[in-house]
Amino acid sequence: MTEKLKQDILDFELQKITKEELISRLPFSIEKKSFEIRKIIEDIITNRKSDEVEYGLTLLWLLEDKNEFIDLIHILILEPWHTRYEDIIHDLQQRKEPSSVDVIKIAIQQKYDYLESYGTGTGQFISQCGHALRSIGTIEAIQTIKDLAENSTDEDVRIAMKYRLDKIKL
């Protein structure tokens, strides 16, 4: 990702420019956005560019159509080298995409150094994963909460999922 594109995305996030202005400044045509955004995010993942994840996610969320990049979101939430886990799980909660259930189940059981580095990070993330599963709301999502509440080897996960399960009136 070029420095100019990063600056334009930052200007958009800081509300210095509008979405339309950002789109007009893209180094590619809007017709090629799907290909170009995928290429940008894949480069961030492949080369573990943690300092570019936020920019890439902003661009992806701003220009995405109909969950076309959900596979990249799924990859990113499982990667251990960045700091955007909470943003990503919040996004998955809003999407309510059934294909995310297995990915969330894996993510909730992982330990990420960034989240572990501050007191409530991992616990908050676990809770957000429970919210995301509940928002998805499919039989598989609810069963995943139940399974984690009963069988997780991580006490924090078990407690959070028992709490989430108690909030769901089955």
Foldseek 3Di string as FASTA:
>chain_A
DDPVLLVLLVCVVVVVDDLVVSQVPDPDHLVCLVVVLVVVLVCCLVVVVQVCPVSSVSSCVSNPDDCPCVVSLLSVCPDQRHQCNVVSLVVLLVVLDPVCQVSLLVSLLDDHPNQVVDDCRNLVSLLSSLSSLVSNPDPSSLVSLVCQLPPPPDPSNVVSSVVSNVVDDD
